[in-house]
Amino acid sequence: MRWLAPNGDNAGLADTIMSAVRAEGVAFFSGTTYRGERLMRISVSDWATDEDDVDRAIEALLRNAARATA
């Protein structure tokens, strides 16, 4: 997943959002750089992960993206 920052600092925005979601304890996202772009790595591999977990993770991403770009 790639975030596009209004100020052009896409890498900084991605790292800020990932850090905020991790701090909430909702999900763990890690970053990577691919072809010069900072991206978010998402892995869902636990057998106990269900739709509610995914919904909470998406809500956390969107909430923290809104805060970071406000």
N, C-alpha and C. Protein backbone atom coordinates (compact mmCIF):
# COMPACT_ATOMS: atom_id res chain seq x y z
N MET A 1 0.84 -1.16 0.00
CA MET A 1 0.00 0.00 0.00
C MET A 1 0.90 1.23 0.00
N ARG A 2 0.53 2.24 -0.75
CA ARG A 2 1.30 3.47 -0.82
C ARG A 2 0.40 4.64 -0.44
N TRP A 3 0.92 5.52 0.41
CA TRP A 3 0.21 6.72 0.82
C TRP A 3 0.76 7.91 0.05
N LEU A 4 -0.11 8.79 -0.38
CA LEU A 4 0.30 10.01 -1.08
C LEU A 4 0.04 11.20 -0.17
N ALA A 5 1.12 11.84 0.25
CA ALA A 5 1.03 12.96 1.18
C ALA A 5 0.73 14.26 0.45
N PRO A 6 -0.11 15.11 1.03
CA PRO A 6 -0.40 16.41 0.41
C PRO A 6 0.87 17.27 0.23
N ASN A 7 1.84 17.09 1.14
CA ASN A 7 3.06 17.90 1.06
C ASN A 7 4.16 17.21 0.24
N GLY A 8 3.87 16.03 -0.31
CA GLY A 8 4.83 15.33 -1.14
C GLY A 8 5.76 14.38 -0.40
N ASP A 9 5.70 14.38 0.94
CA ASP A 9 6.56 13.50 1.73
C ASP A 9 5.87 12.15 1.95
N ASN A 10 5.75 11.39 0.86
CA ASN A 10 5.05 10.10 0.93
C ASN A 10 5.71 9.13 1.91
N ALA A 11 7.04 9.08 1.91
CA ALA A 11 7.76 8.17 2.80
C ALA A 11 7.50 8.52 4.25
N GLY A 12 7.54 9.80 4.57
CA GLY A 12 7.29 10.23 5.94
C GLY A 12 5.88 9.93 6.38
N LEU A 13 4.93 10.12 5.50
CA LEU A 13 3.53 9.84 5.82
C LEU A 13 3.33 8.35 6.08
N ALA A 14 3.88 7.51 5.23
CA ALA A 14 3.75 6.06 5.41
C ALA A 14 4.33 5.63 6.75
N ASP A 15 5.51 6.13 7.08
CA ASP A 15 6.15 5.76 8.34
C ASP A 15 5.35 6.27 9.54
N THR A 16 4.79 7.47 9.43
CA THR A 16 3.98 8.04 10.51
C THR A 16 2.74 7.20 10.75
N ILE A 17 2.06 6.81 9.68
CA ILE A 17 0.84 6.02 9.81
C ILE A 17 1.16 4.64 10.40
N MET A 18 2.19 3.99 9.88
CA MET A 18 2.55 2.66 10.40
C MET A 18 2.90 2.73 11.88
N SER A 19 3.64 3.74 12.26
CA SER A 19 4.04 3.90 13.66
C SER A 19 2.83 4.11 14.56
N ALA A 20 1.90 4.93 14.11
CA ALA A 20 0.71 5.22 14.91
C ALA A 20 -0.16 3.98 15.08
N VAL A 21 -0.33 3.20 14.02
CA VAL A 21 -1.14 1.97 14.12
C VAL A 21 -0.46 0.98 15.07
N ARG A 22 0.85 0.83 14.96
CA ARG A 22 1.57 -0.06 15.87
C ARG A 22 1.42 0.41 17.31
N ALA A 23 1.49 1.72 17.54
CA ALA A 23 1.38 2.26 18.90
C ALA A 23 0.01 1.98 19.50
N GLU A 24 -1.02 1.95 18.68
CA GLU A 24 -2.37 1.61 19.16
C GLU A 24 -2.49 0.13 19.50
N GLY A 25 -1.61 -0.68 18.94
CA GLY A 25 -1.68 -2.11 19.19
C GLY A 25 -2.75 -2.83 18.38
N VAL A 26 -3.26 -2.17 17.36
CA VAL A 26 -4.32 -2.75 16.54
C VAL A 26 -3.77 -3.76 15.56
N ALA A 27 -2.65 -3.43 14.94
CA ALA A 27 -2.05 -4.29 13.92
C ALA A 27 -0.57 -3.93 13.81
N PHE A 28 0.17 -4.78 13.14
CA PHE A 28 1.58 -4.50 12.90
C PHE A 28 1.82 -4.43 11.41
N PHE A 29 2.23 -3.25 10.97
CA PHE A 29 2.59 -3.04 9.57
C PHE A 29 4.07 -2.68 9.53
N SER A 30 4.75 -3.20 8.56
CA SER A 30 6.16 -2.86 8.41
C SER A 30 6.34 -2.18 7.06
N GLY A 31 7.43 -1.43 6.94
CA GLY A 31 7.68 -0.71 5.71
C GLY A 31 8.77 -1.35 4.88
N THR A 32 8.75 -1.01 3.63
CA THR A 32 9.78 -1.44 2.69
C THR A 32 9.93 -0.36 1.63
N THR A 33 11.02 -0.39 0.93
CA THR A 33 11.21 0.53 -0.19
C THR A 33 11.35 -0.31 -1.45
N TYR A 34 10.54 0.00 -2.44
CA TYR A 34 10.53 -0.73 -3.70
C TYR A 34 10.56 0.27 -4.83
N ARG A 35 11.59 0.17 -5.67
CA ARG A 35 11.75 1.08 -6.80
C ARG A 35 11.68 2.55 -6.37
N GLY A 36 12.29 2.81 -5.22
CA GLY A 36 12.36 4.18 -4.73
C GLY A 36 11.14 4.69 -4.01
N GLU A 37 10.11 3.88 -3.89
CA GLU A 37 8.88 4.29 -3.21
C GLU A 37 8.80 3.62 -1.85
N ARG A 38 8.39 4.36 -0.82
CA ARG A 38 8.19 3.81 0.51
C ARG A 38 6.80 3.19 0.54
N LEU A 39 6.73 1.92 0.87
CA LEU A 39 5.48 1.17 0.85
C LEU A 39 5.23 0.52 2.20
N MET A 40 3.98 0.16 2.43
CA MET A 40 3.58 -0.51 3.64
C MET A 40 3.38 -2.00 3.33
N ARG A 41 4.01 -2.83 4.14
CA ARG A 41 3.86 -4.27 3.98
C ARG A 41 2.77 -4.76 4.91
N ILE A 42 1.84 -5.49 4.36
CA ILE A 42 0.72 -6.02 5.12
C ILE A 42 0.72 -7.54 4.99
N SER A 43 0.72 -8.21 6.12
CA SER A 43 0.69 -9.67 6.10
C SER A 43 -0.36 -10.14 7.10
N VAL A 44 -1.27 -10.94 6.63
CA VAL A 44 -2.29 -11.54 7.50
C VAL A 44 -2.13 -13.04 7.38
N SER A 45 -1.48 -13.63 8.37
CA SER A 45 -1.21 -15.06 8.24
C SER A 45 -1.59 -15.87 9.48
N ASP A 46 -2.20 -15.22 10.45
CA ASP A 46 -2.58 -15.94 11.65
C ASP A 46 -3.94 -16.59 11.45
N TRP A 47 -4.06 -17.83 11.86
CA TRP A 47 -5.31 -18.57 11.68
C TRP A 47 -6.46 -17.93 12.44
N ALA A 48 -6.15 -17.16 13.48
CA ALA A 48 -7.20 -16.57 14.32
C ALA A 48 -7.68 -15.21 13.79
N THR A 49 -7.04 -14.68 12.74
CA THR A 49 -7.46 -13.40 12.17
C THR A 49 -8.82 -13.56 11.51
N ASP A 50 -9.74 -12.66 11.87
CA ASP A 50 -11.07 -12.74 11.26
C ASP A 50 -11.44 -11.38 10.65
N GLU A 51 -12.64 -11.29 10.11
CA GLU A 51 -13.07 -10.06 9.43
C GLU A 51 -13.07 -8.86 10.36
N ASP A 52 -13.43 -9.06 11.62
CA ASP A 52 -13.42 -7.95 12.57
C ASP A 52 -12.01 -7.40 12.77
N ASP A 53 -11.02 -8.28 12.81
CA ASP A 53 -9.63 -7.84 12.94
C ASP A 53 -9.22 -7.00 11.73
N VAL A 54 -9.60 -7.45 10.56
CA VAL A 54 -9.27 -6.73 9.34
C VAL A 54 -9.96 -5.37 9.33
N ASP A 55 -11.24 -5.34 9.73
CA ASP A 55 -11.98 -4.08 9.79
C ASP A 55 -11.32 -3.10 10.76
N ARG A 56 -10.90 -3.58 11.93
CA ARG A 56 -10.24 -2.72 12.91
C ARG A 56 -8.92 -2.17 12.36
N ALA A 57 -8.18 -2.99 11.65
CA ALA A 57 -6.92 -2.55 11.07
C ALA A 57 -7.15 -1.47 10.01
N ILE A 58 -8.13 -1.66 9.17
CA ILE A 58 -8.45 -0.67 8.14
C ILE A 58 -8.90 0.63 8.78
N GLU A 59 -9.75 0.54 9.80
CA GLU A 59 -10.21 1.74 10.51
C GLU A 59 -9.02 2.48 11.13
N ALA A 60 -8.08 1.75 11.71
CA ALA A 60 -6.89 2.36 12.31
C ALA A 60 -6.04 3.05 11.25
N LEU A 61 -5.88 2.41 10.11
CA LEU A 61 -5.12 3.02 9.01
C LEU A 61 -5.76 4.33 8.56
N LEU A 62 -7.05 4.30 8.33
CA LEU A 62 -7.75 5.49 7.84
C LEU A 62 -7.77 6.59 8.90
N ARG A 63 -8.00 6.23 10.16
CA ARG A 63 -8.02 7.20 11.25
C ARG A 63 -6.66 7.90 11.38
N ASN A 64 -5.60 7.11 11.35
CA ASN A 64 -4.26 7.68 11.52
C ASN A 64 -3.81 8.43 10.28
N ALA A 65 -4.26 8.02 9.12
CA ALA A 65 -3.95 8.78 7.89
C ALA A 65 -4.63 10.15 7.95
N ALA A 66 -5.88 10.19 8.43
CA ALA A 66 -6.59 11.47 8.55
C ALA A 66 -5.89 12.38 9.55
N ARG A 67 -5.44 11.83 10.67
CA ARG A 67 -4.72 12.64 11.66
C ARG A 67 -3.41 13.17 11.09
N ALA A 68 -2.71 12.32 10.36
CA ALA A 68 -1.39 12.69 9.86
C ALA A 68 -1.46 13.73 8.74
N THR A 69 -2.58 13.83 8.08
CA THR A 69 -2.71 14.77 6.97
C THR A 69 -3.58 15.97 7.31
N ALA A 70 -4.03 16.05 8.56
CA ALA A 70 -4.92 17.17 8.97
C ALA A 70 -4.14 18.47 9.10
